PDB file of N, CA and C in Angstrom:
ATOM      1  N   MET A   1       9.333  64.670 -31.686  1.00  0.00           N
ATOM      2  CA  MET A   1      10.887  65.910 -31.676  1.00  0.00           C
ATOM      3  C   MET A   1      11.308  64.737 -30.075  1.00  0.00           C
ATOM      4  N   LYS A   2      10.666  63.394 -30.076  1.00  0.00           N
ATOM      5  CA  LYS A   2      10.693  63.641 -28.439  1.00  0.00           C
ATOM      6  C   LYS A   2      11.408  62.255 -28.646  1.00  0.00           C
ATOM      7  N   LEU A   3      10.915  61.761 -30.095  1.00  0.00           N
ATOM      8  CA  LEU A   3      11.732  59.958 -30.054  1.00  0.00           C
ATOM      9  C   LEU A   3      13.060  60.097 -30.537  1.00  0.00           C
ATOM     10  N   MET A   4      13.358  61.691 -31.110  1.00  0.00           N
ATOM     11  CA  MET A   4      14.753  62.358 -31.220  1.00  0.00           C
ATOM     12  C   MET A   4      15.835  62.210 -30.879  1.00  0.00           C
ATOM     13  N   THR A   5      14.822  62.916 -29.343  1.00  0.00           N
ATOM     14  CA  THR A   5      15.831  62.986 -28.519  1.00  0.00           C
ATOM     15  C   THR A   5      15.763  61.839 -27.104  1.00  0.00           C
ATOM     16  N   SER A   6      15.334  61.181 -27.822  1.00  0.00           N
ATOM     17  CA  SER A   6      15.621  59.754 -26.838  1.00  0.00           C
ATOM     18  C   SER A   6      17.040  58.646 -27.556  1.00  0.00           C
ATOM     19  N   ILE A   7      15.866  59.619 -28.533  1.00  0.00           N
ATOM     20  CA  ILE A   7      17.665  57.726 -29.535  1.00  0.00           C
ATOM     21  C   ILE A   7      18.812  58.728 -29.375  1.00  0.00           C
ATOM     22  N   LEU A   8      19.272  60.038 -29.386  1.00  0.00           N
ATOM     23  CA  LEU A   8      20.179  61.221 -29.229  1.00  0.00           C
ATOM     24  C   LEU A   8      20.924  60.427 -27.887  1.00  0.00           C
ATOM     25  N   LEU A   9      19.934  59.892 -26.793  1.00  0.00           N
ATOM     26  CA  LEU A   9      20.487  60.342 -25.255  1.00  0.00           C
ATOM     27  C   LEU A   9      20.795  58.903 -25.207  1.00  0.00           C
ATOM     28  N   PHE A  10      20.089  57.889 -25.871  1.00  0.00           N
ATOM     29  CA  PHE A  10      20.735  56.213 -25.975  1.00  0.00           C
ATOM     30  C   PHE A  10      21.519  56.137 -26.812  1.00  0.00           C
ATOM     31  N   LEU A  11      22.472  56.420 -27.762  1.00  0.00           N
ATOM     32  CA  LEU A  11      22.537  56.636 -28.857  1.00  0.00           C
ATOM     33  C   LEU A  11      24.212  56.350 -27.718  1.00  0.00           C
ATOM     34  N   PRO A  12      24.400  56.851 -27.380  1.00  0.00           N
ATOM     35  CA  PRO A  12      25.957  56.857 -26.935  1.00  0.00           C
ATOM     36  C   PRO A  12      26.479  56.034 -25.547  1.00  0.00           C
ATOM     37  N   ALA A  13      24.940  56.203 -25.136  1.00  0.00           N
ATOM     38  CA  ALA A  13      25.340  54.639 -24.421  1.00  0.00           C
ATOM     39  C   ALA A  13      25.630  53.027 -24.599  1.00  0.00           C
ATOM     40  N   THR A  14      24.815  53.341 -25.216  1.00  0.00           N
ATOM     41  CA  THR A  14      24.623  52.255 -26.490  1.00  0.00           C
ATOM     42  C   THR A  14      25.998  51.832 -27.491  1.00  0.00           C
ATOM     43  N   ILE A  15      26.448  52.368 -27.055  1.00  0.00           N
ATOM     44  CA  ILE A  15      28.069  52.202 -28.590  1.00  0.00           C
ATOM     45  C   ILE A  15      28.901  52.282 -27.530  1.00  0.00           C
ATOM     46  N   SER A  16      28.972  52.935 -25.892  1.00  0.00           N
ATOM     47  CA  SER A  16      30.000  53.175 -24.908  1.00  0.00           C
ATOM     48  C   SER A  16      29.869  51.410 -24.793  1.00  0.00           C
ATOM     49  N   LEU A  17      28.954  51.235 -24.305  1.00  0.00           N
ATOM     50  CA  LEU A  17      28.748  49.928 -23.404  1.00  0.00           C
ATOM     51  C   LEU A  17      28.755  48.233 -24.737  1.00  0.00           C
ATOM     52  N   ALA A  18      29.061  48.335 -25.837  1.00  0.00           N
ATOM     53  CA  ALA A  18      28.796  47.478 -26.901  1.00  0.00           C
ATOM     54  C   ALA A  18      30.535  47.445 -27.100  1.00  0.00           C
ATOM     55  N   GLY A  19      31.368  47.809 -26.098  1.00  0.00           N
ATOM     56  CA  GLY A  19      33.016  47.039 -26.184  1.00  0.00           C
ATOM     57  C   GLY A  19      33.430  46.874 -25.130  1.00  0.00           C
ATOM     58  N   CYS A  20      32.354  46.601 -23.568  1.00  0.00           N
ATOM     59  CA  CYS A  20      32.481  46.115 -22.802  1.00  0.00           C
ATOM     60  C   CYS A  20      33.005  44.952 -22.629  1.00  0.00           C
ATOM     61  N   ASN A  21      32.446  44.028 -23.372  1.00  0.00           N
ATOM     62  CA  ASN A  21      32.606  42.658 -23.576  1.00  0.00           C
ATOM     63  C   ASN A  21      32.619  41.799 -25.154  1.00  0.00           C
ATOM     64  N   GLU A  22      34.573  43.226 -25.568  1.00  0.00           N
ATOM     65  CA  GLU A  22      34.892  42.774 -26.696  1.00  0.00           C
ATOM     66  C   GLU A  22      36.799  41.685 -25.623  1.00  0.00           C
ATOM     67  N   ALA A  23      37.427  40.992 -26.163  1.00  0.00           N
ATOM     68  CA  ALA A  23      38.027  40.117 -25.800  1.00  0.00           C
ATOM     69  C   ALA A  23      39.064  41.172 -25.994  1.00  0.00           C
ATOM     70  N   ASP A  24      40.119  40.209 -24.900  1.00  0.00           N
ATOM     71  CA  ASP A  24      41.624  40.491 -24.670  1.00  0.00           C
ATOM     72  C   ASP A  24      42.284  40.341 -25.988  1.00  0.00           C
ATOM     73  N   THR A  25      42.215  41.346 -26.356  1.00  0.00           N
ATOM     74  CA  THR A  25      43.571  41.376 -27.783  1.00  0.00           C
ATOM     75  C   THR A  25      44.785  41.365 -27.190  1.00  0.00           C
ATOM     76  N   SER A  26      44.841  41.592 -26.862  1.00  0.00           N
ATOM     77  CA  SER A  26      46.810  41.806 -25.986  1.00  0.00           C
ATOM     78  C   SER A  26      47.244  40.911 -26.009  1.00  0.00           C
ATOM     79  N   HIS A  27      46.608  39.223 -25.494  1.00  0.00           N
ATOM     80  CA  HIS A  27      46.965  38.441 -24.992  1.00  0.00           C
ATOM     81  C   HIS A  27      46.550  36.781 -25.848  1.00  0.00           C
ATOM     82  N   PRO A  28      46.519  36.653 -26.925  1.00  0.00           N
ATOM     83  CA  PRO A  28      45.849  36.022 -28.026  1.00  0.00           C
ATOM     84  C   PRO A  28      46.164  34.812 -27.179  1.00  0.00           C
ATOM     85  N   PRO A  29      44.472  33.911 -27.171  1.00  0.00           N
ATOM     86  CA  PRO A  29      44.301  32.706 -26.417  1.00  0.00           C
ATOM     87  C   PRO A  29      45.219  31.318 -26.844  1.00  0.00           C
ATOM     88  N   LYS A  30      46.415  30.749 -25.732  1.00  0.00           N
ATOM     89  CA  LYS A  30      47.139  29.534 -26.137  1.00  0.00           C
ATOM     90  C   LYS A  30      46.490  28.394 -26.996  1.00  0.00           C
ATOM     91  N   THR A  31      46.846  27.654 -27.552  1.00  0.00           N
ATOM     92  CA  THR A  31      45.912  26.108 -28.458  1.00  0.00           C
ATOM     93  C   THR A  31      46.162  25.359 -27.552  1.00  0.00           C
ATOM     94  N   VAL A  32      45.619  24.641 -27.683  1.00  0.00           N
ATOM     95  CA  VAL A  32      45.116  23.051 -27.554  1.00  0.00           C
ATOM     96  C   VAL A  32      46.664  22.379 -26.898  1.00  0.00           C
ATOM     97  N   GLY A  33      47.525  22.782 -28.633  1.00  0.00           N
ATOM     98  CA  GLY A  33      48.811  22.349 -28.371  1.00  0.00           C
ATOM     99  C   GLY A  33      49.703  22.994 -27.783  1.00  0.00           C
ATOM    100  N   TRP A  34      49.953  23.990 -27.870  1.00  0.00           N
ATOM    101  CA  TRP A  34      50.804  24.075 -26.572  1.00  0.00           C
ATOM    102  C   TRP A  34      50.395  23.723 -25.618  1.00  0.00           C
ATOM    103  N   PHE A  35      49.173  24.201 -24.921  1.00  0.00           N
ATOM    104  CA  PHE A  35      48.691  23.824 -23.568  1.00  0.00           C
ATOM    105  C   PHE A  35      49.010  22.006 -23.375  1.00  0.00           C
ATOM    106  N   PHE A  36      48.850  21.554 -24.595  1.00  0.00           N
ATOM    107  CA  PHE A  36      50.054  19.745 -24.656  1.00  0.00           C
ATOM    108  C   PHE A  36      51.285  20.115 -24.092  1.00  0.00           C
ATOM    109  N   GLU A  37      51.956  20.954 -24.754  1.00  0.00           N
ATOM    110  CA  GLU A  37      53.512  20.505 -24.532  1.00  0.00           C
ATOM    111  C   GLU A  37      54.036  21.086 -23.358  1.00  0.00           C
ATOM    112  N   HIS A  38      52.563  22.321 -22.756  1.00  0.00           N
ATOM    113  CA  HIS A  38      53.540  23.123 -21.480  1.00  0.00           C
ATOM    114  C   HIS A  38      52.829  22.704 -20.281  1.00  0.00           C
ATOM    115  N   ARG A  39      52.541  21.000 -20.030  1.00  0.00           N
ATOM    116  CA  ARG A  39      52.464  20.890 -18.872  1.00  0.00           C
ATOM    117  C   ARG A  39      51.766  21.908 -17.373  1.00  0.00           C
ATOM    118  N   ASP A  40      53.209  22.295 -17.358  1.00  0.00           N
ATOM    119  CA  ASP A  40      52.544  23.486 -15.569  1.00  0.00           C
ATOM    120  C   ASP A  40      52.128  24.618 -16.077  1.00  0.00           C
ATOM    121  N   GLU A  41      52.239  25.153 -17.504  1.00  0.00           N
ATOM    122  CA  GLU A  41      50.688  25.920 -17.341  1.00  0.00           C
ATOM    123  C   GLU A  41      49.965  25.582 -17.619  1.00  0.00           C
ATOM    124  N   LEU A  42      49.536  24.813 -18.311  1.00  0.00           N
ATOM    125  CA  LEU A  42      48.300  23.606 -18.316  1.00  0.00           C
ATOM    126  C   LEU A  42      47.350  23.349 -16.876  1.00  0.00           C
ATOM    127  N   ALA A  43      48.466  23.389 -15.751  1.00  0.00           N
ATOM    128  CA  ALA A  43      48.016  23.070 -14.513  1.00  0.00           C
ATOM    129  C   ALA A  43      47.197  24.365 -13.739  1.00  0.00           C
ATOM    130  N   VAL A  44      48.301  25.453 -14.530  1.00  0.00           N
ATOM    131  CA  VAL A  44      47.792  26.408 -13.205  1.00  0.00           C
ATOM    132  C   VAL A  44      46.788  27.346 -14.022  1.00  0.00           C
ATOM    133  N   THR A  45      46.752  27.626 -15.588  1.00  0.00           N
ATOM    134  CA  THR A  45      45.421  27.172 -16.322  1.00  0.00           C
ATOM    135  C   THR A  45      44.365  27.056 -15.422  1.00  0.00           C
ATOM    136  N   LEU A  46      44.234  25.447 -15.457  1.00  0.00           N
ATOM    137  CA  LEU A  46      43.623  24.835 -14.878  1.00  0.00           C
ATOM    138  C   LEU A  46      43.032  24.885 -14.205  1.00  0.00           C
ATOM    139  N   LYS A  47      43.726  25.298 -12.838  1.00  0.00           N
ATOM    140  CA  LYS A  47      43.088  25.895 -11.227  1.00  0.00           C
ATOM    141  C   LYS A  47      42.615  26.855 -11.300  1.00  0.00           C
ATOM    142  N   ALA A  48      43.084  27.998 -12.534  1.00  0.00           N
ATOM    143  CA  ALA A  48      42.728  29.250 -12.274  1.00  0.00           C
ATOM    144  C   ALA A  48      41.123  29.329 -13.183  1.00  0.00           C
ATOM    145  N   CYS A  49      41.224  28.061 -13.749  1.00  0.00           N
ATOM    146  CA  CYS A  49      39.008  27.835 -14.343  1.00  0.00           C
ATOM    147  C   CYS A  49      38.386  27.272 -13.480  1.00  0.00           C
ATOM    148  N   ARG A  50      39.222  26.655 -12.422  1.00  0.00           N
ATOM    149  CA  ARG A  50      38.415  25.827 -11.485  1.00  0.00           C
ATOM    150  C   ARG A  50      38.019  26.934 -10.726  1.00  0.00           C
ATOM    151  N   ASP A  51      39.175  27.654 -10.301  1.00  0.00           N
ATOM    152  CA  ASP A  51      38.922  27.956  -9.044  1.00  0.00           C
ATOM    153  C   ASP A  51      37.526  29.978  -9.603  1.00  0.00           C
ATOM    154  N   ASN A  52      37.571  29.894 -10.512  1.00  0.00           N
ATOM    155  CA  ASN A  52      36.189  30.722 -10.489  1.00  0.00           C
ATOM    156  C   ASN A  52      35.875  30.333 -12.346  1.00  0.00           C
ATOM    157  N   PRO A  53      35.152  29.756 -11.964  1.00  0.00           N
ATOM    158  CA  PRO A  53      33.820  28.489 -13.557  1.00  0.00           C
ATOM    159  C   PRO A  53      32.926  30.199 -13.622  1.00  0.00           C
ATOM    160  N   GLY A  54      32.831  30.306 -12.705  1.00  0.00           N
ATOM    161  CA  GLY A  54      31.611  32.095 -13.338  1.00  0.00           C
ATOM    162  C   GLY A  54      32.245  32.667 -14.524  1.00  0.00           C
ATOM    163  N   GLU A  55      33.229  33.008 -14.525  1.00  0.00           N
ATOM    164  CA  GLU A  55      33.994  34.277 -15.057  1.00  0.00           C
ATOM    165  C   GLU A  55      34.540  34.054 -15.668  1.00  0.00           C
ATOM    166  N   LEU A  56      35.252  32.527 -15.649  1.00  0.00           N
ATOM    167  CA  LEU A  56      36.760  32.016 -16.565  1.00  0.00           C
ATOM    168  C   LEU A  56      36.013  30.706 -17.657  1.00  0.00           C
ATOM    169  N   ALA A  57      35.044  29.788 -17.551  1.00  0.00           N
ATOM    170  CA  ALA A  57      34.741  28.844 -17.303  1.00  0.00           C
ATOM    171  C   ALA A  57      34.918  28.747 -19.168  1.00  0.00           C
ATOM    172  N   LYS A  58      34.134  30.205 -20.078  1.00  0.00           N
ATOM    173  CA  LYS A  58      33.954  29.855 -20.977  1.00  0.00           C
ATOM    174  C   LYS A  58      34.915  30.965 -21.860  1.00  0.00           C
ATOM    175  N   THR A  59      36.152  30.664 -21.548  1.00  0.00           N
ATOM    176  CA  THR A  59      37.117  31.549 -22.703  1.00  0.00           C
ATOM    177  C   THR A  59      38.066  30.646 -22.679  1.00  0.00           C
ATOM    178  N   PRO A  60      39.141  31.537 -23.839  1.00  0.00           N
ATOM    179  CA  PRO A  60      38.548  30.350 -24.914  1.00  0.00           C
ATOM    180  C   PRO A  60      39.927  29.590 -23.959  1.00  0.00           C
ATOM    181  N   ASN A  61      41.268  30.563 -23.541  1.00  0.00           N
ATOM    182  CA  ASN A  61      41.720  29.846 -22.472  1.00  0.00           C
ATOM    183  C   ASN A  61      41.856  28.469 -22.160  1.00  0.00           C
ATOM    184  N   CYS A  62      40.302  28.668 -20.943  1.00  0.00           N
ATOM    185  CA  CYS A  62      39.902  27.245 -20.106  1.00  0.00           C
ATOM    186  C   CYS A  62      39.328  26.455 -21.150  1.00  0.00           C
ATOM    187  N   ILE A  63      39.287  26.644 -22.151  1.00  0.00           N
ATOM    188  CA  ILE A  63      38.145  25.634 -22.939  1.00  0.00           C
ATOM    189  C   ILE A  63      39.244  25.254 -23.636  1.00  0.00           C
ATOM    190  N   ASN A  64      40.516  25.068 -24.062  1.00  0.00           N
ATOM    191  CA  ASN A  64      41.192  24.804 -24.753  1.00  0.00           C
ATOM    192  C   ASN A  64      42.405  24.462 -23.999  1.00  0.00           C
ATOM    193  N   ALA A  65      42.645  25.015 -22.468  1.00  0.00           N
ATOM    194  CA  ALA A  65      42.988  23.997 -21.672  1.00  0.00           C
ATOM    195  C   ALA A  65      42.250  22.498 -20.770  1.00  0.00           C
ATOM    196  N   SER A  66      41.105  22.496 -21.207  1.00  0.00           N
ATOM    197  CA  SER A  66      40.787  21.588 -20.539  1.00  0.00           C
ATOM    198  C   SER A  66      40.915  20.356 -21.915  1.00  0.00           C
ATOM    199  N   GLU A  67      40.974  20.540 -23.105  1.00  0.00           N
ATOM    200  CA  GLU A  67      41.002  19.689 -24.700  1.00  0.00           C
ATOM    201  C   GLU A  67      42.309  19.116 -24.215  1.00  0.00           C
ATOM    202  N   ALA A  68      42.956  20.519 -24.038  1.00  0.00           N
ATOM    203  CA  ALA A  68      44.975  19.872 -23.787  1.00  0.00           C
ATOM    204  C   ALA A  68      44.463  19.335 -22.192  1.00  0.00           C
ATOM    205  N   ARG A  69      43.836  18.950 -21.579  1.00  0.00           N
ATOM    206  CA  ARG A  69      44.143  18.109 -20.773  1.00  0.00           C
ATOM    207  C   ARG A  69      43.060  16.891 -21.133  1.00  0.00           C
ATOM    208  N   ASN A  70      42.346  16.486 -21.725  1.00  0.00           N
ATOM    209  CA  ASN A  70      41.158  15.175 -22.363  1.00  0.00           C
ATOM    210  C   ASN A  70      42.591  14.665 -23.146  1.00  0.00           C
ATOM    211  N   LYS A  71      43.168  15.067 -23.807  1.00  0.00           N
ATOM    212  CA  LYS A  71      44.268  14.803 -24.706  1.00  0.00           C
ATOM    213  C   LYS A  71      45.569  14.297 -23.807  1.00  0.00           C
ATOM    214  N   VAL A  72      45.919  15.249 -22.836  1.00  0.00           N
ATOM    215  CA  VAL A  72      46.610  14.815 -21.912  1.00  0.00           C
ATOM    216  C   VAL A  72      46.570  12.630 -21.409  1.00  0.00           C
ATOM    217  N   THR A  73      45.218  12.916 -20.855  1.00  0.00           N
ATOM    218  CA  THR A  73      44.641  11.724 -20.413  1.00  0.00           C
ATOM    219  C   THR A  73      44.495  10.302 -21.742  1.00  0.00           C
ATOM    220  N   VAL A  74      44.334  10.711 -22.666  1.00  0.00           N
ATOM    221  CA  VAL A  74      44.472   9.542 -23.508  1.00  0.00           C
ATOM    222  C   VAL A  74      45.560   9.111 -23.747  1.00  0.00           C
ATOM    223  N   GLN A  75      46.978  10.194 -24.372  1.00  0.00           N
ATOM    224  CA  GLN A  75      48.012   9.758 -24.207  1.00  0.00           C
ATOM    225  C   GLN A  75      48.656   9.111 -23.351  1.00  0.00           C
ATOM    226  N   GLU A  76      48.613   9.653 -22.022  1.00  0.00           N
ATOM    227  CA  GLU A  76      48.667   8.351 -20.928  1.00  0.00           C
ATOM    228  C   GLU A  76      48.354   7.218 -20.644  1.00  0.00           C
ATOM    229  N   MET A  77      47.175   6.963 -21.154  1.00  0.00           N
ATOM    230  CA  MET A  77      46.866   5.825 -21.141  1.00  0.00           C
ATOM    231  C   MET A  77      46.963   4.670 -22.533  1.00  0.00           C
ATOM    232  N   LYS A  78      47.251   5.566 -23.990  1.00  0.00           N
ATOM    233  CA  LYS A  78      47.787   5.146 -25.016  1.00  0.00           C
ATOM    234  C   LYS A  78      49.287   4.230 -23.989  1.00  0.00           C
ATOM    235  N   ASP A  79      49.962   5.343 -23.549  1.00  0.00           N
ATOM    236  CA  ASP A  79      50.852   4.426 -22.899  1.00  0.00           C
ATOM    237  C   ASP A  79      51.465   3.956 -21.881  1.00  0.00           C
ATOM    238  N   ALA A  80      50.094   3.800 -21.010  1.00  0.00           N
ATOM    239  CA  ALA A  80      50.519   2.766 -20.058  1.00  0.00           C
ATOM    240  C   ALA A  80      49.930   1.483 -20.196  1.00  0.00           C
ATOM    241  N   LEU A  81      49.473   1.270 -22.040  1.00  0.00           N
ATOM    242  CA  LEU A  81      48.930   0.101 -22.150  1.00  0.00           C
ATOM    243  C   LEU A  81      49.883  -0.752 -23.485  1.00  0.00           C
ATOM    244  N   LYS A  82      51.312   0.588 -23.208  1.00  0.00           N
ATOM    245  CA  LYS A  82      52.331  -0.308 -24.032  1.00  0.00           C
ATOM    246  C   LYS A  82      52.970  -1.167 -23.066  1.00  0.00           C
TER     247      LYS A  82
END
């Protein structure tokens, strides 16, 4: 009986906390290609990611913006060699 009471008390708490780490689906992450084409937004996103790396560094937008920055750098190097 004691075990059943414990389970019934902890189950709602567990279920309510399960959704706390859900990704925000109202604004889907931007793709690497989108950031590559929108350099101003790329710069803004990279600044936000650098300003708060503990919270944002592993978010899809920060990862995609970082990859887009790498592609921009490679493209600029190729253009400089032409």
